[in-house]
């Protein structure tokens, strides 16, 4: 009996973007849930997905976390209630305090920075313009730092023409932290042309992780046949990575895991870029690379846009001395 030799697998060069995946704010938020489970025992309630990734959420559910969309879904309990990395409106914090819930705020410190900027501008008598996407939890939380009507959302360059402020109006702007760098610069540029006196942040609001991940994709996209962004559809920073890759010249797909690989699209490529949104765990990147290794003889080259060594302390209620 003779065995036919297996045909050789075609070669595939993978350009792996660095940095990719978890940022410091996401690590802090996930650690907060895990530390709360260890300290207080299950259940631990989490308002909104702690980060926008199904794999992460399901893993935390298995350990005893209960996810709710609104505080009203949390029963009267001694168990902690954790606010997600995206931040919450002041009304949510006030409602938790009124019910004497043990609220633990896992808002990313870089989002908290935007909240504080917006409040300072408002206290100085400025109307605050927020560049961001309507309905995103971060935007809802930022707008909820100030009274209704104090923050005006600007979603696009086109929306700027509809703004009805007098020349010389006392205006300031802040931005969502997970926007496309290019989109943000375009909108901010149009704002400053329309309102030359508008006051901006002392330091760019778009977070370091968003900036670095987009920079790496821009380096990789022109040199590959396609790009895979590992992340969830409701993750803003992951969606922006996909858009950045396409603008830089590569067809891009957002995938939550290896099961979503469409081999009709990826079955005859010679080069592939892979990155991951800031809320996507590295295990999902590895699973996707394993799937390609089953069909291709892969070689991997890492393309680095920046070194990251940022870390944030846990919320005070969860620190060792607390």
Protein backbone atom coordinates (compact mmCIF):
# COMPACT_ATOMS: atom_id res chain seq x y z
CA UNK A 1 0.00 0.00 0.00
CA UNK A 2 1.42 3.35 -1.00
CA UNK A 3 0.63 6.69 0.48
CA UNK A 4 0.45 9.78 -1.66
CA UNK A 5 2.74 12.43 -0.21
CA UNK A 6 0.90 15.47 1.03
CA UNK A 7 1.24 18.40 -1.33
CA UNK A 8 3.49 21.06 0.16
CA UNK A 9 1.69 23.88 1.90
CA UNK A 10 1.95 27.24 0.13
CA UNK A 11 4.13 29.85 1.86
CA UNK A 12 2.52 32.70 3.79
CA UNK A 13 4.38 35.62 5.30
CA UNK A 14 2.63 37.09 8.33
CA UNK A 15 3.48 40.63 9.41
CA UNK A 16 2.47 40.82 13.06
CA UNK A 17 1.71 44.32 14.29
CA UNK A 18 3.27 45.49 17.53
CA UNK A 19 1.89 46.77 19.78
CA UNK A 20 -1.45 44.99 19.51
CA UNK A 21 -4.08 43.69 21.89
CA UNK A 22 -4.55 44.63 25.52
CA UNK A 23 -3.75 48.17 26.62
CA UNK A 24 -3.07 49.24 30.19
CA UNK A 25 -6.66 50.42 30.75
CA UNK A 26 -8.06 47.07 29.62
CA UNK A 27 -5.58 45.12 31.77
CA UNK A 28 -6.60 47.25 34.77
CA UNK A 29 -10.33 46.73 34.14
CA UNK A 30 -10.07 42.94 33.75
CA UNK A 31 -7.76 42.73 36.77
CA UNK A 32 -10.32 44.74 38.74
CA UNK A 33 -13.04 42.15 38.12
CA UNK A 34 -10.72 39.23 38.88
CA UNK A 35 -9.37 40.89 42.04
CA UNK A 36 -12.92 41.69 43.21
CA UNK A 37 -13.94 38.06 42.67
CA UNK A 38 -10.93 36.91 44.69
CA UNK A 39 -11.47 39.47 47.47
CA UNK A 40 -15.26 39.40 47.85
CA UNK A 41 -16.18 36.10 46.20
CA UNK A 42 -18.84 35.72 43.51
CA UNK A 43 -21.05 37.20 42.41
CA UNK A 44 -19.51 40.47 41.28
CA UNK A 45 -21.77 42.68 39.19
CA UNK A 46 -20.35 44.57 36.21
CA UNK A 47 -22.27 47.40 34.59
CA UNK A 48 -21.85 47.05 30.82
CA UNK A 49 -19.21 44.80 29.24
CA UNK A 50 -16.03 45.44 31.23
CA UNK A 51 -14.27 45.71 27.85
CA UNK A 52 -15.73 45.13 24.41
CA UNK A 53 -14.69 41.53 23.84
CA UNK A 54 -16.96 38.49 23.95
CA UNK A 55 -14.14 36.08 24.86
CA UNK A 56 -13.14 38.20 27.87
CA UNK A 57 -16.72 38.66 29.03
CA UNK A 58 -17.54 34.94 28.79
CA UNK A 59 -14.35 34.03 30.69
CA UNK A 60 -15.29 36.41 33.52
CA UNK A 61 -18.87 35.12 33.57
CA UNK A 62 -17.49 31.62 34.11
CA UNK A 63 -15.64 32.91 37.18
CA UNK A 64 -18.76 34.47 38.70
CA UNK A 65 -19.13 37.93 37.16
CA UNK A 66 -22.69 39.00 36.31
CA UNK A 67 -22.96 41.58 33.54
CA UNK A 68 -25.83 44.06 33.42
CA UNK A 69 -26.55 46.97 31.13
CA UNK A 70 -28.13 49.22 33.73
CA UNK A 71 -27.78 49.63 37.49
CA UNK A 72 -31.51 48.90 37.94
CA UNK A 73 -30.76 45.27 37.06
CA UNK A 74 -28.53 44.91 40.14
CA UNK A 75 -30.46 43.67 43.19
CA UNK A 76 -29.98 45.19 46.62
CA UNK A 77 -26.75 43.46 47.52
CA UNK A 78 -23.51 43.66 49.47
CA UNK A 79 -21.67 42.40 46.36
CA UNK A 80 -19.47 44.91 44.53
CA UNK A 81 -20.64 46.61 41.35
CA UNK A 82 -17.87 47.47 38.89
CA UNK A 83 -18.15 50.23 36.32
CA UNK A 84 -16.58 49.35 32.96
CA UNK A 85 -13.42 50.80 31.42
CA UNK A 86 -15.54 53.07 29.20
CA UNK A 87 -16.71 55.24 32.10
CA UNK A 88 -20.17 56.17 33.34
CA UNK A 89 -22.30 59.28 33.69
CA UNK A 90 -22.33 60.98 37.08
CA UNK A 91 -25.97 59.97 37.46
CA UNK A 92 -24.92 56.30 37.53
CA UNK A 93 -22.39 56.89 40.31
CA UNK A 94 -24.99 58.92 42.23
CA UNK A 95 -27.60 56.16 41.87
CA UNK A 96 -25.12 53.58 43.19
CA UNK A 97 -24.32 55.81 46.17
CA UNK A 98 -28.01 56.39 46.88
CA UNK A 99 -28.54 52.62 47.03
CA UNK A 100 -25.41 52.17 49.19
CA UNK A 101 -23.93 49.80 46.63
CA UNK A 102 -20.23 49.01 46.82
CA UNK A 103 -19.30 50.69 43.53
CA UNK A 104 -15.81 50.17 42.10
CA UNK A 105 -14.89 52.43 39.21
CA UNK A 106 -12.72 50.68 36.60
CA UNK A 107 -12.90 53.61 34.16
CA UNK A 108 -9.67 53.88 32.18
CA UNK A 109 -7.62 56.75 33.64
CA UNK A 110 -7.25 58.21 30.15
CA UNK A 111 -11.04 58.42 29.86
CA UNK A 112 -11.19 59.99 33.32
CA UNK A 113 -8.73 62.61 32.03
CA UNK A 114 -11.25 63.56 29.31
CA UNK A 115 -14.04 63.75 31.92
CA UNK A 116 -11.98 66.16 34.02
CA UNK A 117 -11.06 68.30 31.01
CA UNK A 118 -14.71 68.63 30.03
CA UNK A 119 -15.69 69.62 33.57
CA UNK A 120 -12.92 72.22 33.84
CA UNK A 121 -13.96 73.80 30.52
CA UNK A 122 -17.59 73.91 31.65
CA UNK A 123 -16.68 75.51 34.99
CA UNK A 124 -14.80 78.16 33.02
CA UNK A 125 -17.98 79.01 31.14
CA UNK A 126 -17.17 77.21 27.89
CA UNK A 127 -19.51 75.15 25.77
CA UNK A 128 -17.87 71.75 25.35
CA UNK A 129 -17.81 70.04 21.95
CA UNK A 130 -17.17 66.30 22.10
CA UNK A 131 -15.74 64.65 18.97
CA UNK A 132 -16.98 61.07 19.03
CA UNK A 133 -19.56 58.48 18.03
CA UNK A 134 -23.14 58.76 19.30
CA UNK A 135 -24.22 55.95 21.58
CA UNK A 136 -20.74 54.62 22.37
CA UNK A 137 -20.53 54.00 26.14
CA UNK A 138 -17.49 56.27 26.46
CA UNK A 139 -19.35 59.12 24.76
CA UNK A 140 -22.45 58.56 26.91
CA UNK A 141 -20.26 58.63 30.03
CA UNK A 142 -18.39 61.78 29.00
CA UNK A 143 -21.57 63.67 28.10
CA UNK A 144 -23.01 62.54 31.42
CA UNK A 145 -20.31 64.36 33.40
CA UNK A 146 -22.10 67.66 32.76
CA UNK A 147 -25.72 68.86 32.83
CA UNK A 148 -27.91 68.10 29.79
CA UNK A 149 -27.07 70.42 26.89
CA UNK A 150 -23.64 71.38 28.23
CA UNK A 151 -21.86 69.01 25.79
CA UNK A 152 -22.47 69.10 22.03
CA UNK A 153 -21.53 65.93 20.14
CA UNK A 154 -19.68 66.36 16.84
CA UNK A 155 -19.55 63.14 14.80
CA UNK A 156 -18.24 64.36 11.45
CA UNK A 157 -16.78 67.26 9.51
CA UNK A 158 -20.19 67.74 7.89
CA UNK A 159 -21.82 68.30 11.27
CA UNK A 160 -19.58 71.31 11.96
CA UNK A 161 -21.40 73.45 9.37
CA UNK A 162 -24.60 72.96 11.36
CA UNK A 163 -23.14 74.26 14.62
CA UNK A 164 -24.80 77.53 15.51
CA UNK A 165 -22.38 79.49 17.67
CA UNK A 166 -21.60 83.18 17.35
CA UNK A 167 -18.13 84.28 16.29
CA UNK A 168 -15.92 84.44 19.35
CA UNK A 169 -18.14 82.07 21.34
CA UNK A 170 -16.46 80.56 24.38
CA UNK A 171 -15.88 77.00 23.09
CA UNK A 172 -13.67 74.03 23.93
CA UNK A 173 -13.38 70.52 22.55
CA UNK A 174 -12.48 67.07 23.85
CA UNK A 175 -12.44 63.77 21.94
CA UNK A 176 -13.35 60.15 22.46
CA UNK A 177 -10.13 58.25 23.21
CA UNK A 178 -10.57 55.49 20.61
CA UNK A 179 -11.10 57.45 17.41
CA UNK A 180 -9.18 57.09 14.19
CA UNK A 181 -6.23 59.49 14.41
CA UNK A 182 -6.84 60.69 10.86
CA UNK A 183 -10.59 61.20 11.36
CA UNK A 184 -10.00 63.04 14.61
CA UNK A 185 -7.39 65.33 13.07
CA UNK A 186 -9.69 66.08 10.16
CA UNK A 187 -12.62 67.00 12.42
CA UNK A 188 -10.49 68.99 14.86
CA UNK A 189 -8.88 70.82 11.93
CA UNK A 190 -12.30 71.77 10.60
CA UNK A 191 -13.41 72.88 14.07
CA UNK A 192 -10.42 75.14 14.57
CA UNK A 193 -10.87 76.67 11.11
CA UNK A 194 -14.52 77.40 11.84
CA UNK A 195 -13.89 78.56 15.43
CA UNK A 196 -10.29 79.83 15.64
CA UNK A 197 -10.63 80.65 19.36
CA UNK A 198 -11.74 77.16 20.37
CA UNK A 199 -9.70 75.68 23.26
CA UNK A 200 -8.29 72.17 22.88
CA UNK A 201 -6.80 69.68 25.32
CA UNK A 202 -3.34 70.32 26.80
CA UNK A 203 -2.42 66.85 25.58
CA UNK A 204 -4.06 64.78 22.81
CA UNK A 205 -7.16 62.95 24.12
CA UNK A 206 -6.77 59.96 21.80
CA UNK A 207 -5.02 57.41 23.97
CA UNK A 208 -1.46 56.17 23.45
CA UNK A 209 -2.69 52.62 22.73
CA UNK A 210 -5.05 53.73 19.97
CA UNK A 211 -2.28 55.84 18.43
CA UNK A 212 0.36 53.08 18.57
CA UNK A 213 -1.88 50.33 17.20
CA UNK A 214 -3.00 52.49 14.29
CA UNK A 215 0.61 53.46 13.53
CA UNK A 216 1.65 49.80 13.33
CA UNK A 217 -1.23 48.97 10.97
CA UNK A 218 -0.28 51.89 8.72
CA UNK A 219 3.24 50.45 8.45
CA UNK A 220 2.02 46.95 7.63
CA UNK A 221 -1.01 47.47 5.37
CA UNK A 222 0.83 48.63 2.20
CA UNK A 223 2.95 45.45 2.21
CA UNK A 224 0.31 42.71 2.60
CA UNK A 225 -2.54 41.16 0.59
CA UNK A 226 -4.95 41.46 3.51
CA UNK A 227 -5.18 42.47 7.17
CA UNK A 228 -6.98 40.71 10.00
CA UNK A 229 -7.99 42.79 13.00
CA UNK A 230 -8.81 40.58 15.97
CA UNK A 231 -11.59 42.22 17.95
CA UNK A 232 -15.31 42.54 18.56
CA UNK A 233 -17.72 44.41 16.26
CA UNK A 234 -18.77 46.72 19.11
CA UNK A 235 -15.17 47.66 19.89
CA UNK A 236 -14.56 51.20 18.62
CA UNK A 237 -10.77 50.93 18.57
CA UNK A 238 -10.95 47.61 16.67
CA UNK A 239 -13.30 49.06 14.05
CA UNK A 240 -10.98 52.03 13.64
CA UNK A 241 -8.02 49.67 13.09
CA UNK A 242 -9.96 47.98 10.28
CA UNK A 243 -10.69 51.37 8.68
CA UNK A 244 -7.07 52.49 9.01
CA UNK A 245 -5.85 49.30 7.32
CA UNK A 246 -8.23 49.78 4.40
CA UNK A 247 -7.25 53.42 3.95
CA UNK A 248 -3.61 52.35 3.95
CA UNK A 249 -4.28 49.99 1.06
CA UNK A 250 -5.15 46.52 2.36
CA UNK A 251 -8.51 44.70 2.40
CA UNK A 252 -9.26 44.23 6.10
CA UNK A 253 -11.56 41.99 8.11
CA UNK A 254 -12.56 42.24 11.76
CA UNK A 255 -12.67 38.75 13.27
CA UNK A 256 -13.62 37.63 16.77
CA UNK A 257 -11.79 34.33 16.42
CA UNK A 258 -10.60 31.57 14.08
CA UNK A 259 -14.13 30.30 13.44
CA UNK A 260 -14.89 33.50 11.51
CA UNK A 261 -12.06 33.10 8.98
CA UNK A 262 -13.56 33.03 5.48
CA UNK A 263 -11.18 30.83 3.49
CA UNK A 264 -12.74 32.07 0.25
CA UNK A 265 -11.15 35.42 1.13
CA UNK A 266 -7.94 34.18 2.75
CA UNK A 267 -7.31 30.99 0.79
CA UNK A 268 -4.90 32.33 -1.83
CA UNK A 269 -2.84 35.08 -0.24
CA UNK A 270 0.93 35.30 0.05
CA UNK A 271 1.21 37.97 2.76
CA UNK A 272 -1.04 38.76 5.73
CA UNK A 273 -1.04 41.46 8.38
CA UNK A 274 -2.46 40.67 11.81
CA UNK A 275 -3.25 43.04 14.65
CA UNK A 276 -5.67 43.10 17.59
CA UNK A 277 -7.81 45.77 19.17
CA UNK A 278 -6.99 46.99 22.66
CA UNK A 279 -9.65 44.75 24.22
CA UNK A 280 -8.69 41.53 22.37
CA UNK A 281 -6.63 38.90 24.24
CA UNK A 282 -3.48 37.48 22.66
CA UNK A 283 -4.87 33.92 22.81
CA UNK A 284 -7.26 34.84 19.98
CA UNK A 285 -4.36 36.09 17.84
CA UNK A 286 -2.53 32.82 18.47
CA UNK A 287 -5.59 30.74 17.52
CA UNK A 288 -5.94 32.60 14.22
CA UNK A 289 -2.24 32.16 13.45
CA UNK A 290 -2.58 28.43 14.24
CA UNK A 291 -5.45 28.21 11.75
CA UNK A 292 -3.26 29.69 9.02
CA UNK A 293 -0.35 27.43 9.99
CA UNK A 294 -2.58 24.41 9.28
CA UNK A 295 -2.99 25.55 5.66
CA UNK A 296 0.20 27.47 4.98
CA UNK A 297 3.91 27.24 5.68
CA UNK A 298 4.02 30.44 7.67
CA UNK A 299 6.89 32.77 8.49
CA UNK A 300 6.30 35.56 10.96
CA UNK A 301 7.87 38.99 11.12
CA UNK A 302 6.97 41.48 13.85
CA UNK A 303 6.57 45.10 12.77
CA UNK A 304 6.87 47.45 15.73
CA UNK A 305 5.63 51.02 15.85
CA UNK A 306 6.31 51.70 19.53
CA UNK A 307 7.37 50.16 22.82
CA UNK A 308 4.70 50.25 25.52
CA UNK A 309 5.42 50.08 29.24
CA UNK A 310 2.34 51.85 30.58
CA UNK A 311 0.52 50.46 33.60
CA UNK A 312 -2.23 51.83 35.84
CA UNK A 313 -2.88 51.02 39.52
CA UNK A 314 -6.04 49.15 40.44
CA UNK A 315 -9.04 51.05 41.85
CA UNK A 316 -8.31 51.92 45.48
CA UNK A 317 -10.88 49.45 46.84
CA UNK A 318 -8.90 46.57 45.34
CA UNK A 319 -5.33 47.51 46.17
CA UNK A 320 -3.50 45.26 48.60
CA UNK A 321 -3.64 47.73 51.49
CA UNK A 322 -7.30 48.61 50.95
